[in-house]
């Protein structure tokens, strides 16, 4: 009976370490929602994509995003998404 005693203890210890590890992997949101301000308006918004040829038949994309508002905005970022389906 004594030779079986360490197995439940080791199993419980591994289980607790696994639970602790899974809890430590929780993600933190990278985009925080701020309520819209109805008084601020966008003056302009644009996104430009250009295919820039490179050496040896390689190329890359030049990607520019810009917007302006009628009032200065604190912590505002211009965000664009590029979706490519093969």
N, C-alpha and C. Protein backbone atom coordinates (compact mmCIF):
# COMPACT_ATOMS: atom_id res chain seq x y z
N UNK A 1 0.82 -1.19 0.00
CA UNK A 1 0.00 0.00 0.00
C UNK A 1 0.86 1.26 0.00
N UNK A 2 1.98 1.23 0.68
CA UNK A 2 2.83 2.41 0.77
C UNK A 2 3.49 2.75 -0.56
N UNK A 3 3.68 1.73 -1.43
CA UNK A 3 4.32 2.03 -2.71
C UNK A 3 3.38 2.79 -3.64
N UNK A 4 2.05 2.77 -3.42
CA UNK A 4 1.09 3.50 -4.23
C UNK A 4 0.86 4.92 -3.72
N UNK A 5 1.29 5.24 -2.55
CA UNK A 5 1.05 6.55 -1.94
C UNK A 5 1.65 7.71 -2.74
N UNK A 6 2.86 7.62 -3.29
CA UNK A 6 3.42 8.78 -4.02
C UNK A 6 2.69 9.11 -5.32
N UNK A 7 2.03 8.15 -5.96
CA UNK A 7 1.39 8.41 -7.25
C UNK A 7 0.27 9.45 -7.18
N UNK A 8 -0.66 9.36 -6.25
CA UNK A 8 -1.67 10.42 -6.17
C UNK A 8 -1.09 11.78 -5.81
N UNK A 9 -0.05 11.79 -5.00
CA UNK A 9 0.58 13.06 -4.62
C UNK A 9 1.25 13.70 -5.83
N UNK A 10 1.97 12.89 -6.61
CA UNK A 10 2.63 13.40 -7.82
C UNK A 10 1.57 13.85 -8.83
N UNK A 11 0.51 13.06 -9.00
CA UNK A 11 -0.56 13.43 -9.93
C UNK A 11 -1.19 14.76 -9.52
N UNK A 12 -1.49 14.94 -8.25
CA UNK A 12 -2.08 16.17 -7.76
C UNK A 12 -1.13 17.35 -7.96
N UNK A 13 0.17 17.15 -7.70
CA UNK A 13 1.15 18.22 -7.88
C UNK A 13 1.24 18.63 -9.35
N UNK A 14 1.28 17.65 -10.25
CA UNK A 14 1.34 17.95 -11.69
C UNK A 14 0.06 18.66 -12.13
N UNK A 15 -1.07 18.25 -11.62
CA UNK A 15 -2.34 18.89 -11.93
C UNK A 15 -2.35 20.34 -11.48
N UNK A 16 -1.89 20.61 -10.28
CA UNK A 16 -1.85 21.98 -9.76
C UNK A 16 -0.88 22.84 -10.57
N UNK A 17 0.27 22.31 -10.93
CA UNK A 17 1.23 23.07 -11.75
C UNK A 17 0.62 23.36 -13.12
N UNK A 18 -0.08 22.39 -13.69
CA UNK A 18 -0.74 22.59 -14.98
C UNK A 18 -1.79 23.67 -14.92
N UNK A 19 -2.60 23.66 -13.88
CA UNK A 19 -3.64 24.70 -13.73
C UNK A 19 -3.00 26.06 -13.55
N UNK A 20 -1.97 26.15 -12.74
CA UNK A 20 -1.26 27.41 -12.53
C UNK A 20 -0.67 27.92 -13.85
N UNK A 21 -0.07 27.02 -14.63
CA UNK A 21 0.53 27.40 -15.91
C UNK A 21 -0.53 27.90 -16.89
N UNK A 22 -1.67 27.23 -16.97
CA UNK A 22 -2.73 27.64 -17.88
C UNK A 22 -3.30 29.01 -17.47
N UNK A 23 -3.39 29.28 -16.20
CA UNK A 23 -3.86 30.57 -15.71
C UNK A 23 -2.88 31.68 -16.07
N UNK A 24 -1.58 31.37 -16.07
CA UNK A 24 -0.57 32.39 -16.37
C UNK A 24 -0.54 32.73 -17.85
N UNK A 25 -1.15 31.91 -18.72
CA UNK A 25 -1.17 32.16 -20.15
C UNK A 25 -2.34 33.02 -20.61
N UNK A 26 -3.17 33.47 -19.71
CA UNK A 26 -4.33 34.28 -20.09
C UNK A 26 -3.85 35.54 -20.79
N UNK A 27 -4.57 35.91 -21.84
CA UNK A 27 -4.17 37.06 -22.64
C UNK A 27 -4.78 38.34 -22.10
N UNK A 28 -4.14 39.42 -22.45
CA UNK A 28 -4.61 40.75 -22.10
C UNK A 28 -5.03 41.42 -23.40
N UNK A 29 -6.19 42.04 -23.47
CA UNK A 29 -6.63 42.65 -24.72
C UNK A 29 -5.65 43.73 -25.18
N UNK A 30 -5.34 43.73 -26.46
CA UNK A 30 -4.43 44.74 -27.00
C UNK A 30 -5.18 45.94 -27.56
N UNK A 31 -6.47 45.79 -27.80
CA UNK A 31 -7.29 46.90 -28.27
C UNK A 31 -8.32 47.20 -27.19
N UNK A 32 -8.27 48.40 -26.69
CA UNK A 32 -9.20 48.82 -25.64
C UNK A 32 -10.29 49.67 -26.27
N UNK A 33 -11.51 49.38 -25.94
CA UNK A 33 -12.65 50.13 -26.49
C UNK A 33 -12.86 51.41 -25.70
N UNK A 34 -12.89 52.49 -26.42
CA UNK A 34 -13.26 53.78 -25.83
C UNK A 34 -14.60 54.18 -26.43
N UNK A 35 -15.54 54.65 -25.65
CA UNK A 35 -16.83 55.05 -26.20
C UNK A 35 -16.66 56.14 -27.27
N UNK A 36 -17.50 56.08 -28.28
CA UNK A 36 -17.43 57.08 -29.35
C UNK A 36 -17.84 58.44 -28.83
N UNK A 37 -17.15 59.44 -29.33
CA UNK A 37 -17.48 60.81 -29.01
C UNK A 37 -18.24 61.38 -30.20
N UNK A 38 -19.51 61.65 -30.03
CA UNK A 38 -20.36 62.10 -31.13
C UNK A 38 -19.98 63.48 -31.64
N UNK A 39 -19.23 64.26 -30.85
CA UNK A 39 -18.89 65.62 -31.29
C UNK A 39 -17.66 65.64 -32.19
N UNK A 40 -16.83 64.62 -32.18
CA UNK A 40 -15.65 64.57 -33.04
C UNK A 40 -16.02 63.99 -34.40
N UNK A 41 -15.46 64.57 -35.45
CA UNK A 41 -15.72 64.13 -36.81
C UNK A 41 -14.40 63.93 -37.55
N UNK A 42 -14.37 62.95 -38.44
CA UNK A 42 -13.21 62.76 -39.30
C UNK A 42 -13.29 63.74 -40.47
N UNK A 43 -12.20 64.44 -40.72
CA UNK A 43 -12.12 65.30 -41.90
C UNK A 43 -11.76 64.48 -43.13
N UNK A 44 -10.82 63.55 -42.95
CA UNK A 44 -10.42 62.69 -44.07
C UNK A 44 -9.86 61.39 -43.52
N UNK A 45 -9.92 60.36 -44.36
CA UNK A 45 -9.34 59.06 -44.02
C UNK A 45 -8.92 58.39 -45.32
N UNK A 46 -7.70 57.84 -45.33
CA UNK A 46 -7.23 57.19 -46.56
C UNK A 46 -6.25 56.08 -46.24
N UNK A 47 -6.23 55.10 -47.13
CA UNK A 47 -5.28 53.99 -47.06
C UNK A 47 -4.71 53.80 -48.45
N UNK A 48 -3.40 53.71 -48.54
CA UNK A 48 -2.72 53.55 -49.82
C UNK A 48 -1.87 52.29 -49.78
N UNK A 49 -2.08 51.42 -50.76
CA UNK A 49 -1.27 50.21 -50.92
C UNK A 49 -0.54 50.29 -52.24
N UNK A 50 0.78 50.08 -52.22
CA UNK A 50 1.58 50.07 -53.43
C UNK A 50 2.45 48.82 -53.44
N UNK A 51 2.52 48.16 -54.58
CA UNK A 51 3.41 47.02 -54.75
C UNK A 51 4.74 47.54 -55.25
N UNK A 52 5.78 47.35 -54.44
CA UNK A 52 7.11 47.87 -54.76
C UNK A 52 7.98 46.70 -55.23
N UNK A 53 8.43 46.73 -56.49
CA UNK A 53 9.26 45.62 -56.98
C UNK A 53 10.63 45.64 -56.30
N UNK A 54 11.15 44.45 -56.06
CA UNK A 54 12.45 44.32 -55.44
C UNK A 54 13.40 43.55 -56.35
N UNK A 55 14.52 43.15 -55.79
CA UNK A 55 15.51 42.39 -56.54
C UNK A 55 15.07 40.94 -56.68
N UNK A 56 15.51 40.29 -57.73
CA UNK A 56 15.29 38.85 -57.95
C UNK A 56 13.81 38.47 -57.91
N UNK A 57 13.00 39.19 -58.62
CA UNK A 57 11.56 38.94 -58.74
C UNK A 57 10.81 38.90 -57.40
N UNK A 58 11.35 39.56 -56.40
CA UNK A 58 10.64 39.68 -55.13
C UNK A 58 10.05 41.09 -55.05
N UNK A 59 9.05 41.25 -54.24
CA UNK A 59 8.43 42.55 -54.08
C UNK A 59 7.86 42.65 -52.67
N UNK A 60 7.54 43.87 -52.28
CA UNK A 60 6.90 44.06 -50.99
C UNK A 60 5.81 45.12 -51.14
N UNK A 61 4.99 45.24 -50.12
CA UNK A 61 3.87 46.17 -50.15
C UNK A 61 4.20 47.39 -49.29
N UNK A 62 4.03 48.55 -49.87
CA UNK A 62 4.13 49.80 -49.12
C UNK A 62 2.72 50.16 -48.68
N UNK A 63 2.52 50.29 -47.38
CA UNK A 63 1.19 50.43 -46.81
C UNK A 63 1.15 51.69 -45.96
N UNK A 64 0.30 52.65 -46.32
CA UNK A 64 0.20 53.90 -45.56
C UNK A 64 -1.26 54.17 -45.22
N UNK A 65 -1.49 54.55 -43.98
CA UNK A 65 -2.83 54.88 -43.50
C UNK A 65 -2.77 56.24 -42.82
N UNK A 66 -3.74 57.07 -43.12
CA UNK A 66 -3.75 58.41 -42.54
C UNK A 66 -5.18 58.88 -42.36
N UNK A 67 -5.42 59.61 -41.28
CA UNK A 67 -6.72 60.25 -41.08
C UNK A 67 -6.52 61.53 -40.28
N UNK A 68 -7.45 62.43 -40.43
CA UNK A 68 -7.43 63.68 -39.66
C UNK A 68 -8.82 63.89 -39.07
N UNK A 69 -8.83 64.50 -37.90
CA UNK A 69 -10.09 64.82 -37.22
C UNK A 69 -10.17 66.32 -36.99
N UNK A 70 -11.37 66.77 -36.69
CA UNK A 70 -11.56 68.20 -36.47
C UNK A 70 -10.99 68.68 -35.13
N UNK A 71 -10.79 67.76 -34.19
CA UNK A 71 -10.22 68.09 -32.88
C UNK A 71 -9.10 67.11 -32.58
N UNK A 72 -8.10 67.52 -31.79
CA UNK A 72 -7.05 66.57 -31.40
C UNK A 72 -7.66 65.42 -30.58
N UNK A 73 -7.16 64.22 -30.81
CA UNK A 73 -7.67 63.04 -30.12
C UNK A 73 -6.54 62.38 -29.33
N UNK A 74 -6.83 62.06 -28.10
CA UNK A 74 -5.85 61.41 -27.22
C UNK A 74 -5.90 59.90 -27.44
N UNK A 75 -4.74 59.29 -27.66
CA UNK A 75 -4.59 57.84 -27.84
C UNK A 75 -5.37 57.29 -29.04
N UNK A 76 -5.43 58.03 -30.10
CA UNK A 76 -6.11 57.52 -31.30
C UNK A 76 -5.06 56.93 -32.23
N UNK A 77 -5.39 55.80 -32.83
CA UNK A 77 -4.51 55.17 -33.81
C UNK A 77 -5.32 54.82 -35.04
N UNK A 78 -4.68 54.95 -36.20
CA UNK A 78 -5.30 54.52 -37.45
C UNK A 78 -5.00 53.04 -37.63
N UNK A 79 -6.04 52.24 -37.82
CA UNK A 79 -5.89 50.80 -37.93
C UNK A 79 -6.46 50.34 -39.26
N UNK A 80 -5.72 49.50 -39.95
CA UNK A 80 -6.22 48.89 -41.18
C UNK A 80 -5.96 47.38 -41.11
N UNK A 81 -6.76 46.63 -41.82
CA UNK A 81 -6.60 45.19 -41.89
C UNK A 81 -6.36 44.78 -43.33
N UNK A 82 -5.39 43.92 -43.52
CA UNK A 82 -5.08 43.41 -44.85
C UNK A 82 -5.40 41.92 -44.84
N UNK A 83 -6.37 41.52 -45.64
CA UNK A 83 -6.80 40.14 -45.67
C UNK A 83 -6.42 39.55 -47.02
N UNK A 84 -5.71 38.45 -47.00
CA UNK A 84 -5.29 37.80 -48.24
C UNK A 84 -5.78 36.37 -48.19
N UNK A 85 -6.62 36.02 -49.15
CA UNK A 85 -7.13 34.66 -49.23
C UNK A 85 -6.48 33.98 -50.43
N UNK A 86 -5.83 32.87 -50.20
CA UNK A 86 -5.13 32.16 -51.29
C UNK A 86 -6.05 31.26 -52.01
